[in-house]
């Protein structure tokens, strides 16, 4: 039976691909905070039609990754010092909870997947800061959220990660930060493997607190909108 509610699956899949491509391009620094995103240029870059680009931009705007202005159009969002501080505070709480839940309730298969994600992150770091590293970090966090077995934590953390991705590359490229990040992630995975919930929570919180220090210091030095 034909209805007006039927979904064009191919179109939806294309839109999701466009969203993810733009999301990763912003996270990797290909498109900088404050940079205009011109539909015509994006269509040419991605080899897709304007409808797919517009739908993807609307989704990214809903996530706070881009902001649309009258007479200017969409631009990559910027994050103020205060917004970043609030984002990292909430993220530390949620990831601490996720880590503890994973340690206490995660399956052996999920723990093995997390360990593999740590190995890939370390290998990606050795190859340099780039798309592989961002993907590896995202896989690690996906494993962490899966292991927490809490759909609402995943939903909230995904939203926070999408916003913080604007700062993640900045944080990881600061001198010495990447090496510390690797060790912190290993500590999280080890605590989960050892089924130590409180230690996993503390390790997650410490990791986010350290990342926040680097990102906030960068914002303090490079923006005028600081305390």
C-alpha atoms as a PDB file:
ATOM      1  CA  UNK A   1       0.000   0.000   0.000  1.00  0.00           C
ATOM      2  CA  UNK A   2       1.342   3.428  -0.973  1.00  0.00           C
ATOM      3  CA  UNK A   3       1.262   6.135   1.676  1.00  0.00           C
ATOM      4  CA  UNK A   4       2.797   9.560   2.103  1.00  0.00           C
ATOM      5  CA  UNK A   5       4.859   8.195   5.017  1.00  0.00           C
ATOM      6  CA  UNK A   6       7.131   5.967   2.978  1.00  0.00           C
ATOM      7  CA  UNK A   7      10.822   6.679   3.477  1.00  0.00           C
ATOM      8  CA  UNK A   8      13.349   7.043   0.690  1.00  0.00           C
ATOM      9  CA  UNK A   9      16.051   4.872   2.250  1.00  0.00           C
ATOM     10  CA  UNK A  10      18.774   5.726  -0.229  1.00  0.00           C
ATOM     11  CA  UNK A  11      18.279   9.460   0.289  1.00  0.00           C
ATOM     12  CA  UNK A  12      18.361   9.094   4.071  1.00  0.00           C
ATOM     13  CA  UNK A  13      21.584   7.089   3.884  1.00  0.00           C
ATOM     14  CA  UNK A  14      23.190   9.764   1.712  1.00  0.00           C
ATOM     15  CA  UNK A  15      22.148  12.491   4.143  1.00  0.00           C
ATOM     16  CA  UNK A  16      23.705  10.608   7.055  1.00  0.00           C
ATOM     17  CA  UNK A  17      26.944  10.195   5.097  1.00  0.00           C
ATOM     18  CA  UNK A  18      27.012  13.917   4.316  1.00  0.00           C
ATOM     19  CA  UNK A  19      26.384  14.730   8.002  1.00  0.00           C
ATOM     20  CA  UNK A  20      29.203  12.473   9.166  1.00  0.00           C
ATOM     21  CA  UNK A  21      31.627  13.755   6.546  1.00  0.00           C
ATOM     22  CA  UNK A  22      30.986  17.370   7.543  1.00  0.00           C
ATOM     23  CA  UNK A  23      31.094  16.493  11.246  1.00  0.00           C
ATOM     24  CA  UNK A  24      34.500  14.850  10.826  1.00  0.00           C
ATOM     25  CA  UNK A  25      35.802  17.701   8.661  1.00  0.00           C
ATOM     26  CA  UNK A  26      34.927  20.147  11.431  1.00  0.00           C
ATOM     27  CA  UNK A  27      36.364  17.905  14.151  1.00  0.00           C
ATOM     28  CA  UNK A  28      39.639  17.531  12.249  1.00  0.00           C
ATOM     29  CA  UNK A  29      39.976  21.274  11.729  1.00  0.00           C
ATOM     30  CA  UNK A  30      39.354  21.189   7.975  1.00  0.00           C
ATOM     31  CA  UNK A  31      36.641  23.761   8.635  1.00  0.00           C
ATOM     32  CA  UNK A  32      37.624  26.203  11.383  1.00  0.00           C
ATOM     33  CA  UNK A  33      35.400  27.800  14.054  1.00  0.00           C
ATOM     34  CA  UNK A  34      33.830  30.912  12.587  1.00  0.00           C
ATOM     35  CA  UNK A  35      34.327  29.759   8.979  1.00  0.00           C
ATOM     36  CA  UNK A  36      31.382  30.151   6.594  1.00  0.00           C
ATOM     37  CA  UNK A  37      29.978  26.999   5.033  1.00  0.00           C
ATOM     38  CA  UNK A  38      28.788  27.875   1.530  1.00  0.00           C
ATOM     39  CA  UNK A  39      26.244  25.397   0.171  1.00  0.00           C
ATOM     40  CA  UNK A  40      27.451  25.593  -3.426  1.00  0.00           C
ATOM     41  CA  UNK A  41      31.048  24.950  -2.409  1.00  0.00           C
ATOM     42  CA  UNK A  42      30.050  22.046  -0.150  1.00  0.00           C
ATOM     43  CA  UNK A  43      28.050  20.471  -2.969  1.00  0.00           C
ATOM     44  CA  UNK A  44      31.109  20.608  -5.206  1.00  0.00           C
ATOM     45  CA  UNK A  45      33.431  19.240  -2.515  1.00  0.00           C
ATOM     46  CA  UNK A  46      31.138  16.363  -1.584  1.00  0.00           C
ATOM     47  CA  UNK A  47      29.707  15.620  -5.031  1.00  0.00           C
ATOM     48  CA  UNK A  48      26.111  15.682  -3.782  1.00  0.00           C
ATOM     49  CA  UNK A  49      23.018  17.795  -4.370  1.00  0.00           C
ATOM     50  CA  UNK A  50      21.978  20.868  -2.451  1.00  0.00           C
ATOM     51  CA  UNK A  51      19.096  19.098  -0.713  1.00  0.00           C
ATOM     52  CA  UNK A  52      21.426  16.614   0.991  1.00  0.00           C
ATOM     53  CA  UNK A  53      23.764  19.410   2.068  1.00  0.00           C
ATOM     54  CA  UNK A  54      20.922  21.538   3.452  1.00  0.00           C
ATOM     55  CA  UNK A  55      19.492  18.627   5.439  1.00  0.00           C
ATOM     56  CA  UNK A  56      22.910  17.809   6.863  1.00  0.00           C
ATOM     57  CA  UNK A  57      23.518  21.429   7.823  1.00  0.00           C
ATOM     58  CA  UNK A  58      20.171  21.561   9.617  1.00  0.00           C
ATOM     59  CA  UNK A  59      21.132  18.494  11.658  1.00  0.00           C
ATOM     60  CA  UNK A  60      24.542  19.917  12.551  1.00  0.00           C
ATOM     61  CA  UNK A  61      22.877  23.163  13.570  1.00  0.00           C
ATOM     62  CA  UNK A  62      20.535  21.211  15.865  1.00  0.00           C
ATOM     63  CA  UNK A  63      23.635  19.652  17.450  1.00  0.00           C
ATOM     64  CA  UNK A  64      25.217  23.066  17.971  1.00  0.00           C
ATOM     65  CA  UNK A  65      28.135  22.306  15.672  1.00  0.00           C
ATOM     66  CA  UNK A  66      27.204  25.063  13.261  1.00  0.00           C
ATOM     67  CA  UNK A  67      25.288  28.312  13.702  1.00  0.00           C
ATOM     68  CA  UNK A  68      23.222  30.068  11.048  1.00  0.00           C
ATOM     69  CA  UNK A  69      23.120  33.854  10.842  1.00  0.00           C
ATOM     70  CA  UNK A  70      20.799  36.080   8.797  1.00  0.00           C
ATOM     71  CA  UNK A  71      22.416  37.360   5.582  1.00  0.00           C
ATOM     72  CA  UNK A  72      25.486  35.226   6.291  1.00  0.00           C
ATOM     73  CA  UNK A  73      24.297  31.644   6.392  1.00  0.00           C
ATOM     74  CA  UNK A  74      25.823  28.729   8.318  1.00  0.00           C
ATOM     75  CA  UNK A  75      29.219  29.033   9.988  1.00  0.00           C
ATOM     76  CA  UNK A  76      31.185  26.608  12.154  1.00  0.00           C
ATOM     77  CA  UNK A  77      30.245  27.331  15.755  1.00  0.00           C
ATOM     78  CA  UNK A  78      32.675  28.758  18.233  1.00  0.00           C
ATOM     79  CA  UNK A  79      32.770  27.816  21.915  1.00  0.00           C
ATOM     80  CA  UNK A  80      33.308  30.394  24.601  1.00  0.00           C
ATOM     81  CA  UNK A  81      35.486  29.744  27.635  1.00  0.00           C
ATOM     82  CA  UNK A  82      32.438  29.495  29.910  1.00  0.00           C
ATOM     83  CA  UNK A  83      30.595  27.128  27.551  1.00  0.00           C
ATOM     84  CA  UNK A  84      33.632  24.874  27.294  1.00  0.00           C
ATOM     85  CA  UNK A  85      34.055  24.812  31.082  1.00  0.00           C
ATOM     86  CA  UNK A  86      30.423  23.779  31.516  1.00  0.00           C
ATOM     87  CA  UNK A  87      30.632  21.131  28.780  1.00  0.00           C
ATOM     88  CA  UNK A  88      33.712  19.504  30.305  1.00  0.00           C
ATOM     89  CA  UNK A  89      32.214  19.551  33.805  1.00  0.00           C
ATOM     90  CA  UNK A  90      29.095  17.694  32.690  1.00  0.00           C
ATOM     91  CA  UNK A  91      31.111  15.354  30.502  1.00  0.00           C
ATOM     92  CA  UNK A  92      33.366  14.377  33.416  1.00  0.00           C
ATOM     93  CA  UNK A  93      30.340  13.471  35.523  1.00  0.00           C
ATOM     94  CA  UNK A  94      28.661  11.424  32.795  1.00  0.00           C
ATOM     95  CA  UNK A  95      31.789   9.599  31.664  1.00  0.00           C
ATOM     96  CA  UNK A  96      32.723   8.840  35.255  1.00  0.00           C
ATOM     97  CA  UNK A  97      29.311   7.234  35.675  1.00  0.00           C
ATOM     98  CA  UNK A  98      29.662   5.379  32.361  1.00  0.00           C
ATOM     99  CA  UNK A  99      33.071   4.042  33.348  1.00  0.00           C
ATOM    100  CA  UNK A 100      31.821   2.769  36.699  1.00  0.00           C
ATOM    101  CA  UNK A 101      28.770   1.125  35.135  1.00  0.00           C
ATOM    102  CA  UNK A 102      30.969  -0.528  32.513  1.00  0.00           C
ATOM    103  CA  UNK A 103      33.352  -1.899  35.150  1.00  0.00           C
ATOM    104  CA  UNK A 104      30.498  -3.299  37.203  1.00  0.00           C
ATOM    105  CA  UNK A 105      28.175  -4.564  34.464  1.00  0.00           C
ATOM    106  CA  UNK A 106      30.101  -4.828  31.177  1.00  0.00           C
ATOM    107  CA  UNK A 107      30.516  -8.200  29.503  1.00  0.00           C
ATOM    108  CA  UNK A 108      33.843  -9.895  28.831  1.00  0.00           C
ATOM    109  CA  UNK A 109      33.308  -9.293  25.092  1.00  0.00           C
ATOM    110  CA  UNK A 110      32.728  -5.575  25.666  1.00  0.00           C
ATOM    111  CA  UNK A 111      35.873  -5.343  27.787  1.00  0.00           C
ATOM    112  CA  UNK A 112      37.863  -7.080  25.042  1.00  0.00           C
ATOM    113  CA  UNK A 113      36.496  -4.620  22.484  1.00  0.00           C
ATOM    114  CA  UNK A 114      37.507  -1.719  24.725  1.00  0.00           C
ATOM    115  CA  UNK A 115      41.040  -3.112  25.070  1.00  0.00           C
ATOM    116  CA  UNK A 116      41.280  -3.398  21.276  1.00  0.00           C
ATOM    117  CA  UNK A 117      40.119   0.217  20.959  1.00  0.00           C
ATOM    118  CA  UNK A 118      42.939   1.315  23.280  1.00  0.00           C
ATOM    119  CA  UNK A 119      45.499  -0.550  21.148  1.00  0.00           C
ATOM    120  CA  UNK A 120      44.176   1.136  18.004  1.00  0.00           C
ATOM    121  CA  UNK A 121      44.216   4.553  19.656  1.00  0.00           C
ATOM    122  CA  UNK A 122      47.862   4.104  20.626  1.00  0.00           C
ATOM    123  CA  UNK A 123      48.744   2.974  17.094  1.00  0.00           C
ATOM    124  CA  UNK A 124      46.822   5.904  15.612  1.00  0.00           C
ATOM    125  CA  UNK A 125      48.674   8.311  17.891  1.00  0.00           C
ATOM    126  CA  UNK A 126      51.996   6.911  16.691  1.00  0.00           C
ATOM    127  CA  UNK A 127      50.973   7.672  13.108  1.00  0.00           C
ATOM    128  CA  UNK A 128      50.335  11.328  13.945  1.00  0.00           C
ATOM    129  CA  UNK A 129      47.388  13.588  14.711  1.00  0.00           C
ATOM    130  CA  UNK A 130      44.769  13.219  12.012  1.00  0.00           C
ATOM    131  CA  UNK A 131      41.555  11.531  10.906  1.00  0.00           C
ATOM    132  CA  UNK A 132      42.698   8.089  12.083  1.00  0.00           C
ATOM    133  CA  UNK A 133      43.350   9.405  15.586  1.00  0.00           C
ATOM    134  CA  UNK A 134      39.970  11.113  15.836  1.00  0.00           C
ATOM    135  CA  UNK A 135      38.234   7.972  14.594  1.00  0.00           C
ATOM    136  CA  UNK A 136      40.127   5.828  17.120  1.00  0.00           C
ATOM    137  CA  UNK A 137      39.189   8.162  19.969  1.00  0.00           C
ATOM    138  CA  UNK A 138      35.540   8.076  18.885  1.00  0.00           C
ATOM    139  CA  UNK A 139      35.607   4.270  18.778  1.00  0.00           C
ATOM    140  CA  UNK A 140      36.978   4.192  22.320  1.00  0.00           C
ATOM    141  CA  UNK A 141      34.161   6.415  23.568  1.00  0.00           C
ATOM    142  CA  UNK A 142      31.578   4.349  21.670  1.00  0.00           C
ATOM    143  CA  UNK A 143      32.852   1.261  23.487  1.00  0.00           C
ATOM    144  CA  UNK A 144      32.697   3.086  26.805  1.00  0.00           C
ATOM    145  CA  UNK A 145      29.101   4.143  26.209  1.00  0.00           C
ATOM    146  CA  UNK A 146      28.087   0.670  25.009  1.00  0.00           C
ATOM    147  CA  UNK A 147      29.552  -0.878  28.121  1.00  0.00           C
ATOM    148  CA  UNK A 148      27.626   1.496  30.379  1.00  0.00           C
ATOM    149  CA  UNK A 149      24.366  -0.014  29.065  1.00  0.00           C
ATOM    150  CA  UNK A 150      22.540   3.272  29.577  1.00  0.00           C
ATOM    151  CA  UNK A 151      20.836   4.712  26.498  1.00  0.00           C
ATOM    152  CA  UNK A 152      20.304   8.105  28.103  1.00  0.00           C
ATOM    153  CA  UNK A 153      23.963   8.457  29.051  1.00  0.00           C
ATOM    154  CA  UNK A 154      24.862   7.623  25.448  1.00  0.00           C
ATOM    155  CA  UNK A 155      22.431  10.201  24.123  1.00  0.00           C
ATOM    156  CA  UNK A 156      23.733  12.964  26.370  1.00  0.00           C
ATOM    157  CA  UNK A 157      27.404  12.112  25.883  1.00  0.00           C
ATOM    158  CA  UNK A 158      27.010  11.954  22.100  1.00  0.00           C
ATOM    159  CA  UNK A 159      25.617  15.477  22.162  1.00  0.00           C
ATOM    160  CA  UNK A 160      28.484  16.688  24.358  1.00  0.00           C
ATOM    161  CA  UNK A 161      31.100  14.945  22.218  1.00  0.00           C
ATOM    162  CA  UNK A 162      29.718  16.579  19.075  1.00  0.00           C
ATOM    163  CA  UNK A 163      30.224  20.000  20.647  1.00  0.00           C
ATOM    164  CA  UNK A 164      33.580  19.218  22.242  1.00  0.00           C
ATOM    165  CA  UNK A 165      34.890  17.867  18.927  1.00  0.00           C
ATOM    166  CA  UNK A 166      35.376  21.535  18.051  1.00  0.00           C
ATOM    167  CA  UNK A 167      38.110  21.588  20.713  1.00  0.00           C
ATOM    168  CA  UNK A 168      39.395  18.012  20.649  1.00  0.00           C
ATOM    169  CA  UNK A 169      41.981  18.507  17.919  1.00  0.00           C
ATOM    170  CA  UNK A 170      43.208  21.640  19.691  1.00  0.00           C
ATOM    171  CA  UNK A 171      43.602  19.702  22.927  1.00  0.00           C
ATOM    172  CA  UNK A 172      45.410  16.719  21.389  1.00  0.00           C
ATOM    173  CA  UNK A 173      47.876  18.861  19.435  1.00  0.00           C
ATOM    174  CA  UNK A 174      49.177  20.699  22.497  1.00  0.00           C
ATOM    175  CA  UNK A 175      52.751  19.641  23.430  1.00  0.00           C
ATOM    176  CA  UNK A 176      52.799  16.496  25.551  1.00  0.00           C
ATOM    177  CA  UNK A 177      49.032  16.116  25.747  1.00  0.00           C
ATOM    178  CA  UNK A 178      48.698  13.111  23.445  1.00  0.00           C
ATOM    179  CA  UNK A 179      51.159  10.971  25.414  1.00  0.00           C
ATOM    180  CA  UNK A 180      49.301  11.742  28.639  1.00  0.00           C
ATOM    181  CA  UNK A 181      45.978  11.004  26.951  1.00  0.00           C
ATOM    182  CA  UNK A 182      47.180   7.536  25.961  1.00  0.00           C
ATOM    183  CA  UNK A 183      48.217   6.725  29.526  1.00  0.00           C
ATOM    184  CA  UNK A 184      44.937   8.043  30.925  1.00  0.00           C
ATOM    185  CA  UNK A 185      42.893   5.929  28.520  1.00  0.00           C
ATOM    186  CA  UNK A 186      44.933   2.855  29.428  1.00  0.00           C
ATOM    187  CA  UNK A 187      44.187   3.500  33.114  1.00  0.00           C
ATOM    188  CA  UNK A 188      40.469   3.685  32.347  1.00  0.00           C
ATOM    189  CA  UNK A 189      40.557   0.413  30.410  1.00  0.00           C
ATOM    190  CA  UNK A 190      42.617  -1.334  33.097  1.00  0.00           C
ATOM    191  CA  UNK A 191      40.228  -0.272  35.855  1.00  0.00           C
ATOM    192  CA  UNK A 192      37.286  -1.559  33.833  1.00  0.00           C
ATOM    193  CA  UNK A 193      39.090  -4.816  33.057  1.00  0.00           C
ATOM    194  CA  UNK A 194      39.749  -5.271  36.790  1.00  0.00           C
ATOM    195  CA  UNK A 195      36.068  -4.609  37.568  1.00  0.00           C
ATOM    196  CA  UNK A 196      36.980  -1.685  39.819  1.00  0.00           C
ATOM    197  CA  UNK A 197      34.006   0.660  39.439  1.00  0.00           C
ATOM    198  CA  UNK A 198      35.167   3.543  41.671  1.00  0.00           C
ATOM    199  CA  UNK A 199      38.651   3.518  40.120  1.00  0.00           C
ATOM    200  CA  UNK A 200      37.174   3.497  36.607  1.00  0.00           C
ATOM    201  CA  UNK A 201      34.987   6.473  37.495  1.00  0.00           C
ATOM    202  CA  UNK A 202      37.959   8.354  38.954  1.00  0.00           C
ATOM    203  CA  UNK A 203      40.124   7.552  35.911  1.00  0.00           C
ATOM    204  CA  UNK A 204      37.433   8.795  33.520  1.00  0.00           C
ATOM    205  CA  UNK A 205      36.992  12.003  35.481  1.00  0.00           C
ATOM    206  CA  UNK A 206      40.747  12.587  35.662  1.00  0.00           C
ATOM    207  CA  UNK A 207      41.080  12.100  31.897  1.00  0.00           C
ATOM    208  CA  UNK A 208      38.383  14.671  31.159  1.00  0.00           C
ATOM    209  CA  UNK A 209      39.706  17.108  33.772  1.00  0.00           C
ATOM    210  CA  UNK A 210      43.154  16.991  32.158  1.00  0.00           C
ATOM    211  CA  UNK A 211      41.735  17.497  28.670  1.00  0.00           C
ATOM    212  CA  UNK A 212      39.683  20.405  30.005  1.00  0.00           C
ATOM    213  CA  UNK A 213      42.754  22.105  31.466  1.00  0.00           C
ATOM    214  CA  UNK A 214      44.500  22.059  28.099  1.00  0.00           C
ATOM    215  CA  UNK A 215      41.472  23.181  26.107  1.00  0.00           C
ATOM    216  CA  UNK A 216      40.529  25.940  28.542  1.00  0.00           C
ATOM    217  CA  UNK A 217      44.084  27.242  28.672  1.00  0.00           C
ATOM    218  CA  UNK A 218      44.093  27.404  24.873  1.00  0.00           C
ATOM    219  CA  UNK A 219      40.801  29.310  24.895  1.00  0.00           C
ATOM    220  CA  UNK A 220      42.076  31.657  27.595  1.00  0.00           C
ATOM    221  CA  UNK A 221      45.112  32.559  25.504  1.00  0.00           C
ATOM    222  CA  UNK A 222      43.390  32.758  22.136  1.00  0.00           C
ATOM    223  CA  UNK A 223      40.035  34.387  22.804  1.00  0.00           C
ATOM    224  CA  UNK A 224      38.949  37.564  24.453  1.00  0.00           C
ATOM    225  CA  UNK A 225      35.787  35.989  25.902  1.00  0.00           C
ATOM    226  CA  UNK A 226      37.407  34.610  29.058  1.00  0.00           C
ATOM    227  CA  UNK A 227      36.923  35.244  32.781  1.00  0.00           C
END
